[in-house]
Amino acid sequence: MSLEALNEQVKKDLSYIAHPVFNVEWVKPASHPEGHVYDVAIIGGGQSGLSTAFGLNRERITNITILDENPAGIEGPWITYARMVTLRTPKHLPSIDLGIPSLTFQSWWIAQHGQEAWNQLDKIPRNEWMNYLNWYREVLELPVQNEVKVDLIEPINDALHRLHLSGNGAKSKSILARKVVLATGIQGGGEWHVPDFIKSNLPKSLFAHTSEAIDFDDLKGKRIGILGGGASAFDNANFALSTGAKEVHTFIRRKEMVRVNPMRILEQSGLIERYHSLNDEEKYAAMLHFFKFNQPPTNDTFNRASAWEGFQVHLDSPWLDVSESEGCAVVRTPHETFTFDYLIISTGLVTDPSLRPELKQVEQYITRWRDVYKASPDISNEIIDAHPYLSKSFAFVPNCEEGKEALYGLFAFNYSALISCGVSASALSGIRYAVPKLVTAIADELFQDIKPSILKDYFEYDVIEFTGNPKIPAK
């Protein structure tokens, strides 16, 4: 099958399930003096935003828009700061296809390369995943506006939100929407974290977080130190060495490397799809356990890095302090002092709604986990406590009466949902379970918003359908 034939198959498969059903939009349009009102505005045009839009279309909600601050084709991390060779998720797991076989990555790959190539494929190359997302967007004709940044979400009357926009792609300074989905990825719930002792002691020219653009050509022949022992640290180590770095030293505070990947048991155990049924104590414990391991590097990534002569791992080696000397970064560990030309910081992120500029007007009303669940002192975790406490369907929960109107219609379908909703909006392993929950919640809210008019139309409906004239026997 060619890609052109697959495109036709997608259209045929969707027609078989009457997508969109009857081709009739059931949501009554809202009117406003400022102009058009979208039923749903999705912030983020990556895999979460695209699949949410497809899910909404299947619910006959088509008055939507997707806003992404990046140029077309580079949404998400895949060809910017994601430096792994392949995705870490097993290739066979369904994800954003939402149950349509012809929309799977597997169908897309086989259409171009054949069944044997699929059989031989170990994991999905990250560049090919980006190509697949571009195809998914195109074949489903999803309404993405690129180079449009949402600077602020402003709640206004009548359960509407005004989104203040900037960027080269913005056709106006703001738009209105009934519902807003923050499909803003792993960094969308807070900000990337660089320890203060690094920021305060070194000029920015000597370090970068793994999420930033890094000129690896400029690092050819140089010595690099990486702080962190997770998968991203080893992705960057291999990338740096493959582009010509002389040495890369990776520093890990643990005495032994993590060898267990909790994602694998999550994928098999039913925890991902049934996570919403856990109580708060169980959710807290489950995510505390997840943070204990996080995700180790894949074996192939570690082996690629280890194959380079200039690669070294330092266990039990937290950075005690850093300083600048003659244009280099000096790193002191409990065991030794090192001098590097450049540092790469792989210390993850911090989740906290107060760090998000677009939530400036509403974050004060957002309930956090620390407001709802008090863990015992021996297991209490500040990182978990700062996460927003969300409903089972990714909606923000207000912490006061005033916040009910401000937060109504806002959904966090990003990494900040991790504690409340599990690895669903933040991982391909869970997205196929998460999107239907999110979409159903949005559709239910829209229905409730316009329920009086829907019921009125229902009770007043008098279109004649039966036109027969039955003969009535004479008495």
Protein backbone atom coordinates (compact mmCIF):
# COMPACT_ATOMS: atom_id res chain seq x y z
CA MET A 1 0.00 0.00 0.00
CA SER A 2 1.27 3.48 -0.87
CA LEU A 3 0.82 6.55 1.31
CA GLU A 4 -1.77 7.85 -1.17
CA ALA A 5 -3.70 4.60 -0.82
CA LEU A 6 -3.48 4.87 2.97
CA ASN A 7 -4.93 8.38 2.82
CA GLU A 8 -7.92 6.99 0.96
CA GLN A 9 -8.21 4.15 3.46
CA VAL A 10 -8.35 6.65 6.32
CA LYS A 11 -11.21 8.49 4.64
CA LYS A 12 -13.02 5.21 4.01
CA ASP A 13 -12.56 4.00 7.59
CA LEU A 14 -13.86 7.28 8.97
CA SER A 15 -16.87 7.13 6.65
CA TYR A 16 -17.67 3.65 7.98
CA ILE A 17 -18.05 5.08 11.48
CA ALA A 18 -19.93 8.13 10.17
CA HIS A 19 -17.22 10.60 11.09
CA PRO A 20 -18.29 13.25 11.66
CA VAL A 21 -21.71 11.80 12.59
CA PHE A 22 -24.36 13.24 10.27
CA ASN A 23 -21.87 16.02 9.59
CA VAL A 24 -24.01 18.20 11.89
CA GLU A 25 -22.61 20.43 14.63
CA TRP A 26 -24.88 20.17 17.69
CA VAL A 27 -23.30 22.95 19.76
CA LYS A 28 -25.23 26.19 19.33
CA PRO A 29 -22.89 29.01 18.32
CA ALA A 30 -22.23 31.72 20.89
CA SER A 31 -22.40 35.37 19.95
CA HIS A 32 -20.25 38.15 21.36
CA PRO A 33 -19.66 41.81 20.45
CA GLU A 34 -15.95 41.09 19.93
CA GLY A 35 -16.69 38.58 17.18
CA HIS A 36 -16.33 34.84 16.72
CA VAL A 37 -16.38 32.54 19.74
CA TYR A 38 -14.64 29.16 19.45
CA ASP A 39 -16.23 26.29 21.30
CA VAL A 40 -12.75 24.98 22.14
CA ALA A 41 -9.29 26.52 21.84
CA ILE A 42 -6.43 24.04 22.18
CA ILE A 43 -3.06 25.50 23.16
CA GLY A 44 -0.39 23.27 21.67
CA GLY A 45 -0.22 21.55 18.31
CA GLY A 46 1.78 18.48 19.28
CA GLN A 47 0.51 14.94 19.72
CA SER A 48 -1.81 15.85 22.62
CA GLY A 49 -3.35 18.85 20.88
CA LEU A 50 -3.84 17.05 17.58
CA SER A 51 -5.43 13.96 19.10
CA THR A 52 -7.70 16.11 21.28
CA ALA A 53 -8.90 17.95 18.19
CA PHE A 54 -9.60 14.66 16.41
CA GLY A 55 -11.48 13.40 19.45
CA LEU A 56 -13.59 16.55 19.56
CA ASN A 57 -14.40 16.23 15.86
CA ARG A 58 -15.63 12.70 16.51
CA GLU A 59 -18.02 14.23 19.07
CA ARG A 60 -19.26 16.61 16.35
CA ILE A 61 -17.51 19.56 17.97
CA THR A 62 -15.82 21.24 15.04
CA ASN A 63 -15.78 24.95 15.94
CA ILE A 64 -12.29 24.63 17.36
CA THR A 65 -8.80 25.97 16.81
CA ILE A 66 -5.31 24.74 17.71
CA LEU A 67 -2.70 27.36 18.56
CA ASP A 68 1.02 26.57 18.51
CA GLU A 69 3.86 29.03 19.01
CA ASN A 70 6.24 27.11 16.73
CA PRO A 71 6.48 27.14 12.92
CA ALA A 72 4.64 24.33 11.14
CA GLY A 73 6.45 21.02 11.32
CA ILE A 74 8.42 21.55 14.53
CA GLU A 75 5.67 21.39 17.13
CA GLY A 76 6.64 19.52 20.26
CA PRO A 77 10.17 18.40 21.17
CA TRP A 78 10.90 15.85 18.48
CA ILE A 79 13.24 17.78 16.22
CA THR A 80 14.26 20.50 18.66
CA TYR A 81 15.43 19.46 22.13
CA ALA A 82 14.57 15.75 22.05
CA ARG A 83 17.95 14.23 21.23
CA MET A 84 17.23 10.54 21.55
CA VAL A 85 17.64 8.41 18.45
CA THR A 86 14.28 6.70 18.96
CA LEU A 87 11.16 7.04 21.09
CA ARG A 88 11.25 5.08 24.34
CA THR A 89 7.69 3.81 24.00
CA PRO A 90 7.31 0.33 22.46
CA LYS A 91 6.48 0.66 18.78
CA HIS A 92 3.35 -1.48 18.90
CA LEU A 93 1.40 0.54 21.48
CA PRO A 94 -1.60 2.40 19.99
CA SER A 95 -1.71 6.09 20.81
CA ILE A 96 -3.30 9.00 18.99
CA ASP A 97 -5.12 6.85 16.40
CA LEU A 98 -8.07 6.60 18.85
CA GLY A 99 -8.95 3.14 17.63
CA ILE A 100 -8.75 3.75 13.87
CA PRO A 101 -6.26 1.14 12.52
CA SER A 102 -5.40 3.10 9.38
CA LEU A 103 -4.36 6.09 11.55
CA THR A 104 -1.73 4.17 13.52
CA PHE A 105 1.98 4.78 13.14
CA GLN A 106 2.25 1.13 12.10
CA SER A 107 -0.08 1.64 9.13
CA TRP A 108 1.73 4.83 8.14
CA TRP A 109 5.14 3.10 8.33
CA ILE A 110 4.07 -0.02 6.44
CA ALA A 111 2.46 2.07 3.68
CA GLN A 112 5.87 3.58 2.95
CA HIS A 113 8.35 0.84 3.87
CA GLY A 114 6.48 -2.46 3.86
CA GLN A 115 5.64 -5.12 6.42
CA GLU A 116 9.16 -6.56 6.61
CA ALA A 117 10.58 -3.14 7.48
CA TRP A 118 8.06 -2.90 10.30
CA ASN A 119 9.02 -6.34 11.57
CA GLN A 120 12.67 -5.31 11.67
CA LEU A 121 12.01 -1.93 13.32
CA ASP A 122 13.02 -1.91 16.98
CA LYS A 123 11.72 1.47 18.18
CA ILE A 124 10.22 4.45 16.37
CA PRO A 125 12.85 6.97 15.17
CA ARG A 126 11.99 10.36 16.66
CA ASN A 127 12.26 12.19 13.31
CA GLU A 128 9.85 9.69 11.80
CA TRP A 129 7.43 10.29 14.66
CA MET A 130 7.44 13.98 13.77
CA ASN A 131 6.80 13.09 10.13
CA TYR A 132 3.91 10.90 11.25
CA LEU A 133 2.41 13.76 13.29
CA ASN A 134 2.62 16.03 10.26
CA TRP A 135 0.79 13.42 8.18
CA TYR A 136 -1.82 12.88 10.93
CA ARG A 137 -2.53 16.61 11.00
CA GLU A 138 -2.79 16.81 7.23
CA VAL A 139 -4.91 13.72 6.57
CA LEU A 140 -7.39 14.72 9.29
CA GLU A 141 -7.40 18.38 8.17
CA LEU A 142 -6.92 19.66 11.70
CA PRO A 143 -7.11 23.46 12.16
CA VAL A 144 -3.67 24.43 13.49
CA GLN A 145 -2.58 28.07 13.61
CA ASN A 146 1.22 28.17 13.81
CA GLU A 147 3.47 30.87 15.22
CA VAL A 148 0.72 31.97 17.58
CA LYS A 149 1.67 32.27 21.24
CA VAL A 150 -0.93 32.51 24.01
CA ASP A 151 0.39 35.10 26.45
CA LEU A 152 -2.56 35.23 28.82
CA ILE A 153 -5.85 33.46 29.49
CA GLU A 154 -8.36 36.00 30.76
CA PRO A 155 -11.68 34.78 32.19
CA ILE A 156 -14.60 37.00 31.19
CA ASN A 157 -18.34 36.90 31.75
CA ASP A 158 -20.69 34.27 30.37
CA ALA A 159 -18.22 31.40 30.94
CA LEU A 160 -15.90 32.64 28.20
CA HIS A 161 -12.16 33.11 28.06
CA ARG A 162 -10.23 35.73 26.14
CA LEU A 163 -6.88 34.46 24.89
CA HIS A 164 -4.32 37.22 24.39
CA LEU A 165 -2.07 36.35 21.46
CA SER A 166 1.27 37.30 19.95
CA GLY A 167 3.50 35.94 17.21
CA ASN A 168 3.87 36.19 13.46
CA GLY A 169 0.90 33.92 12.84
CA ALA A 170 -1.57 35.79 15.04
CA LYS A 171 -4.29 37.39 12.93
CA SER A 172 -5.64 39.34 15.90
CA LYS A 173 -4.55 40.33 19.38
CA SER A 174 -7.05 38.01 21.03
CA ILE A 175 -9.68 35.35 20.48
CA LEU A 176 -12.63 34.12 22.53
CA ALA A 177 -13.31 30.52 23.53
CA ARG A 178 -15.78 28.65 25.70
CA LYS A 179 -13.31 25.94 26.63
CA VAL A 180 -9.51 26.03 26.72
CA VAL A 181 -7.25 22.98 26.72
CA LEU A 182 -3.62 23.38 27.79
CA ALA A 183 -2.04 20.70 25.60
CA THR A 184 1.36 22.21 26.31
CA GLY A 185 3.47 19.13 26.85
CA ILE A 186 6.02 18.22 29.46
CA GLN A 187 7.01 21.81 30.24
CA GLY A 188 3.47 23.20 30.13
CA GLY A 189 2.79 22.83 33.85
CA GLY A 190 5.75 24.83 35.11
CA GLU A 191 9.30 25.39 33.92
CA TRP A 192 12.52 23.53 33.30
CA HIS A 193 14.71 23.37 36.39
CA VAL A 194 18.32 24.48 36.71
CA PRO A 195 19.70 24.43 40.29
CA ASP A 196 20.29 27.89 41.72
CA PHE A 197 23.93 27.22 42.55
CA ILE A 198 24.61 26.76 38.84
CA LYS A 199 22.72 29.84 37.70
CA SER A 200 24.31 32.04 40.35
CA ASN A 201 27.92 30.89 39.88
CA LEU A 202 28.29 30.51 36.12
CA PRO A 203 27.66 32.75 33.11
CA LYS A 204 24.95 31.47 30.79
CA SER A 205 27.55 30.94 28.08
CA LEU A 206 28.91 27.94 30.01
CA PHE A 207 25.75 25.88 30.50
CA ALA A 208 22.36 24.97 29.07
CA HIS A 209 19.43 22.86 30.16
CA THR A 210 18.65 19.85 27.96
CA SER A 211 15.42 21.60 26.89
CA GLU A 212 17.32 24.47 25.29
CA ALA A 213 18.80 24.85 21.85
CA ILE A 214 22.48 23.88 22.05
CA ASP A 215 25.07 24.55 19.36
CA PHE A 216 26.72 21.14 19.34
CA ASP A 217 28.91 22.12 16.39
CA ASP A 218 30.54 24.63 18.71
CA LEU A 219 31.26 21.81 21.18
CA LYS A 220 33.33 19.72 18.80
CA GLY A 221 36.61 18.68 20.38
CA LYS A 222 35.53 19.94 23.82
CA ARG A 223 34.95 18.40 27.25
CA ILE A 224 31.37 18.38 28.49
CA GLY A 225 29.92 17.65 31.90
CA ILE A 226 26.30 16.49 32.24
CA LEU A 227 24.37 16.63 35.50
CA GLY A 228 21.69 13.95 35.78
CA GLY A 229 21.18 10.21 35.44
CA GLY A 230 17.87 9.97 33.61
CA ALA A 231 17.20 9.04 30.03
CA SER A 232 17.62 12.60 28.76
CA ALA A 233 21.13 12.86 30.20
CA PHE A 234 22.28 9.86 28.18
CA ASP A 235 20.42 11.06 25.07
CA ASN A 236 22.43 14.28 25.22
CA ALA A 237 25.67 12.48 26.00
CA ASN A 238 25.34 10.28 22.94
CA PHE A 239 24.27 13.23 20.78
CA ALA A 240 27.25 15.33 21.87
CA LEU A 241 29.75 12.54 21.24
CA SER A 242 28.21 11.68 17.88
CA THR A 243 28.61 15.30 16.78
CA GLY A 244 32.29 15.50 17.72
CA ALA A 245 32.67 16.25 21.44
CA LYS A 246 36.01 15.01 22.81
CA GLU A 247 34.73 13.82 26.19
CA VAL A 248 31.39 13.64 27.95
CA HIS A 249 31.18 12.95 31.68
CA THR A 250 27.77 12.13 33.16
CA PHE A 251 27.33 12.67 36.90
CA ILE A 252 24.73 10.75 38.92
CA ARG A 253 24.02 11.27 42.62
CA ARG A 254 22.85 7.66 43.13
CA LYS A 255 25.36 5.01 44.07
CA GLU A 256 23.89 2.69 41.44
CA MET A 257 22.08 3.38 38.21
CA VAL A 258 18.34 2.79 38.11
CA ARG A 259 17.62 -0.46 36.30
CA VAL A 260 13.86 -0.72 36.65
CA ASN A 261 11.57 1.22 34.33
CA PRO A 262 8.15 1.63 36.01
CA MET A 263 6.55 2.58 32.68
CA ARG A 264 6.67 -1.04 31.55
CA ILE A 265 4.57 -2.33 34.44
CA LEU A 266 2.23 0.66 34.16
CA GLU A 267 1.58 -0.30 30.53
CA GLN A 268 0.78 -3.90 31.44
CA SER A 269 -0.99 -3.71 34.79
CA GLY A 270 -4.11 -1.70 34.02
CA LEU A 271 -2.90 1.17 36.19
CA ILE A 272 -2.75 3.65 33.33
CA GLU A 273 -6.31 3.17 32.17
CA ARG A 274 -7.79 2.70 35.67
CA TYR A 275 -5.64 5.25 37.51
CA HIS A 276 -8.64 7.55 37.96
CA SER A 277 -10.23 4.97 40.27
CA LEU A 278 -7.42 5.24 42.85
CA ASN A 279 -8.02 7.35 45.93
CA ASP A 280 -5.73 10.27 46.79
CA GLU A 281 -3.56 8.23 49.15
CA GLU A 282 -3.01 5.58 46.47
CA LYS A 283 -2.26 8.18 43.78
CA TYR A 284 0.27 9.91 46.01
CA ALA A 285 2.03 6.63 46.79
CA ALA A 286 1.99 5.53 43.15
CA MET A 287 3.62 8.73 41.90
CA LEU A 288 6.10 8.82 44.77
CA HIS A 289 7.18 5.35 43.63
CA PHE A 290 7.33 6.54 40.01
CA PHE A 291 9.61 9.45 40.98
CA LYS A 292 11.82 7.01 42.88
CA PHE A 293 12.79 5.35 39.61
CA ASN A 294 11.73 7.82 36.93
CA GLN A 295 12.93 6.52 33.56
CA PRO A 296 16.40 5.07 33.08
CA PRO A 297 18.06 5.28 29.67
CA THR A 298 17.10 2.62 27.18
CA ASN A 299 19.72 -0.08 26.71
CA ASP A 300 20.40 0.97 23.14
CA THR A 301 20.92 4.62 24.16
CA PHE A 302 23.30 3.66 26.97
CA ASN A 303 25.19 1.26 24.73
CA ARG A 304 25.58 3.90 22.01
CA ALA A 305 27.01 6.37 24.52
CA SER A 306 29.23 3.76 26.15
CA ALA A 307 30.74 2.81 22.81
CA TRP A 308 32.44 6.21 22.55
CA GLU A 309 35.96 6.37 23.90
CA GLY A 310 35.34 9.73 25.57
CA PHE A 311 32.30 8.66 27.58
CA GLN A 312 32.44 8.34 31.38
CA VAL A 313 29.80 7.84 34.10
CA HIS A 314 30.44 9.02 37.65
CA LEU A 315 28.17 7.39 40.24
CA ASP A 316 27.67 8.70 43.77
CA SER A 317 28.81 12.07 42.42
CA PRO A 318 26.43 14.94 43.10
CA TRP A 319 27.74 18.38 42.22
CA LEU A 320 28.65 20.19 45.42
CA ASP A 321 29.42 23.47 43.69
CA VAL A 322 30.50 24.98 40.38
CA SER A 323 32.67 27.96 39.53
CA GLU A 324 34.27 29.66 36.56
CA SER A 325 38.00 29.59 35.91
CA GLU A 326 39.70 30.93 32.79
CA GLY A 327 36.53 30.60 30.72
CA CYS A 328 35.78 27.05 31.84
CA ALA A 329 33.36 25.50 34.31
CA VAL A 330 34.89 23.87 37.38
CA VAL A 331 32.74 21.16 39.01
CA ARG A 332 33.42 19.80 42.49
CA THR A 333 32.02 16.42 43.57
CA PRO A 334 32.62 14.55 46.85
CA HIS A 335 35.43 12.64 45.18
CA GLU A 336 37.13 14.87 42.63
CA THR A 337 37.19 18.25 40.88
CA PHE A 338 36.69 18.50 37.10
CA THR A 339 37.14 21.23 34.52
CA PHE A 340 34.80 21.37 31.51
CA ASP A 341 34.34 23.58 28.49
CA TYR A 342 30.56 23.35 28.81
CA LEU A 343 27.85 21.92 31.08
CA ILE A 344 24.54 20.35 30.13
CA ILE A 345 21.93 20.27 32.89
CA SER A 346 19.51 17.34 32.85
CA THR A 347 17.58 18.04 36.05
CA GLY A 348 14.05 17.89 34.72
CA LEU A 349 11.37 20.40 35.53
CA VAL A 350 9.32 21.95 38.28
CA THR A 351 5.52 21.81 38.05
CA ASP A 352 3.66 24.76 39.56
CA PRO A 353 0.83 26.77 37.94
CA SER A 354 2.27 29.98 39.40
CA LEU A 355 5.21 29.62 37.01
CA ARG A 356 3.00 29.77 33.91
CA PRO A 357 2.55 33.34 32.57
CA GLU A 358 -0.61 32.42 30.64
CA LEU A 359 -2.27 31.44 33.95
CA LYS A 360 -1.36 34.67 35.74
CA GLN A 361 -4.98 35.76 36.20
CA VAL A 362 -6.30 32.40 37.42
CA GLU A 363 -3.52 30.47 39.18
CA GLN A 364 -4.47 31.87 42.58
CA TYR A 365 -7.74 29.94 42.33
CA ILE A 366 -6.17 26.60 41.38
CA THR A 367 -6.28 23.89 44.04
CA ARG A 368 -2.91 22.20 44.62
CA TRP A 369 -2.31 18.73 45.97
CA ARG A 370 -1.00 20.24 49.21
CA ASP A 371 -4.43 21.82 49.72
CA VAL A 372 -6.26 18.50 49.57
CA TYR A 373 -4.01 15.69 50.74
CA LYS A 374 -1.59 15.81 53.66
CA ALA A 375 0.97 13.04 53.29
CA SER A 376 2.74 11.79 56.38
CA PRO A 377 5.99 13.66 57.08
CA ASP A 378 8.16 10.65 56.24
CA ILE A 379 6.91 10.52 52.63
CA SER A 380 5.76 14.12 52.00
CA ASN A 381 7.12 15.41 48.70
CA GLU A 382 7.20 19.12 47.82
CA ILE A 383 7.30 18.38 44.10
CA ILE A 384 4.07 16.37 44.24
CA ASP A 385 2.43 18.86 46.60
CA ALA A 386 2.90 21.75 44.14
CA HIS A 387 1.01 19.99 41.32
CA PRO A 388 -2.52 21.16 40.55
CA TYR A 389 -5.23 18.93 41.95
CA LEU A 390 -7.36 18.11 38.88
CA SER A 391 -10.65 16.36 38.30
CA LYS A 392 -10.67 12.90 36.71
CA SER A 393 -11.25 14.65 33.38
CA PHE A 394 -8.27 17.09 33.62
CA ALA A 395 -10.29 20.13 34.75
CA PHE A 396 -8.79 22.58 37.23
CA VAL A 397 -10.49 22.45 40.64
CA PRO A 398 -11.23 25.86 42.22
CA ASN A 399 -10.14 26.52 45.80
CA CYS A 400 -12.90 29.07 46.50
CA GLU A 401 -16.28 30.26 45.23
CA GLU A 402 -14.72 33.12 43.29
CA GLY A 403 -12.54 30.67 41.43
CA LYS A 404 -15.40 28.59 40.08
CA GLU A 405 -16.21 31.04 37.30
CA ALA A 406 -12.57 31.90 36.58
CA LEU A 407 -11.54 28.26 36.12
CA TYR A 408 -14.70 26.95 34.50
CA GLY A 409 -13.86 25.48 31.11
CA LEU A 410 -10.08 25.23 31.64
CA PHE A 411 -8.42 21.83 31.22
CA ALA A 412 -4.78 20.90 31.92
CA PHE A 413 -3.89 18.20 29.41
CA ASN A 414 -0.16 18.42 30.03
CA TYR A 415 2.50 17.12 32.42
CA SER A 416 0.90 18.91 35.37
CA ALA A 417 -1.86 16.26 35.26
CA LEU A 418 0.61 13.55 36.27
CA ILE A 419 -0.35 13.20 39.95
CA SER A 420 -4.10 13.58 39.48
CA CYS A 421 -4.56 11.65 36.25
CA GLY A 422 -1.45 9.48 35.92
CA VAL A 423 0.85 9.04 32.93
CA SER A 424 -1.93 9.85 30.50
CA ALA A 425 -1.56 13.37 29.13
CA SER A 426 2.22 13.13 29.55
CA ALA A 427 3.10 9.87 27.83
CA LEU A 428 2.23 8.05 24.61
CA SER A 429 1.56 4.96 26.70
CA GLY A 430 -1.51 6.60 28.21
CA ILE A 431 -2.78 9.12 25.69
CA ARG A 432 -5.25 6.73 24.05
CA TYR A 433 -7.04 6.37 27.40
CA ALA A 434 -6.82 10.03 28.32
CA VAL A 435 -8.15 11.75 25.20
CA PRO A 436 -11.62 10.13 25.37
CA LYS A 437 -11.97 11.19 29.03
CA LEU A 438 -10.96 14.76 28.22
CA VAL A 439 -13.19 14.98 25.16
CA THR A 440 -16.20 13.55 26.99
CA ALA A 441 -15.76 16.09 29.79
CA ILE A 442 -15.57 18.98 27.33
CA ALA A 443 -18.63 17.75 25.43
CA ASP A 444 -20.55 17.29 28.68
CA GLU A 445 -19.73 20.83 29.80
CA LEU A 446 -20.75 22.30 26.45
CA PHE A 447 -24.00 20.34 26.62
CA GLN A 448 -24.75 21.64 30.10
CA ASP A 449 -23.96 25.19 29.01
CA ILE A 450 -26.58 25.10 26.26
CA LYS A 451 -28.92 22.46 27.70
CA PRO A 452 -31.97 24.78 27.96
CA SER A 453 -31.92 25.56 24.23
CA ILE A 454 -31.32 21.90 23.32
CA LEU A 455 -34.26 20.79 25.46
CA LYS A 456 -36.42 23.58 24.07
CA ASP A 457 -35.67 22.46 20.50
CA TYR A 458 -36.37 18.86 21.51
CA PHE A 459 -39.75 19.56 23.01
CA GLU A 460 -40.77 21.86 20.15
CA TYR A 461 -39.60 19.57 17.34
CA ASP A 462 -42.52 18.88 15.03
CA VAL A 463 -41.02 17.92 11.68
CA ILE A 464 -43.28 15.40 9.98
CA GLU A 465 -41.44 12.18 9.18
CA PHE A 466 -44.16 9.59 8.70
CA THR A 467 -46.31 10.44 5.70
CA GLY A 468 -48.29 7.21 5.29
CA ASN A 469 -52.09 7.16 5.14
CA PRO A 470 -53.19 3.96 6.82
CA LYS A 471 -56.60 2.61 5.90
CA ILE A 472 -58.88 2.36 8.89
CA PRO A 473 -61.46 -0.41 8.68
CA ALA A 474 -65.03 0.78 8.66
CA LYS A 475 -67.07 -0.09 11.73
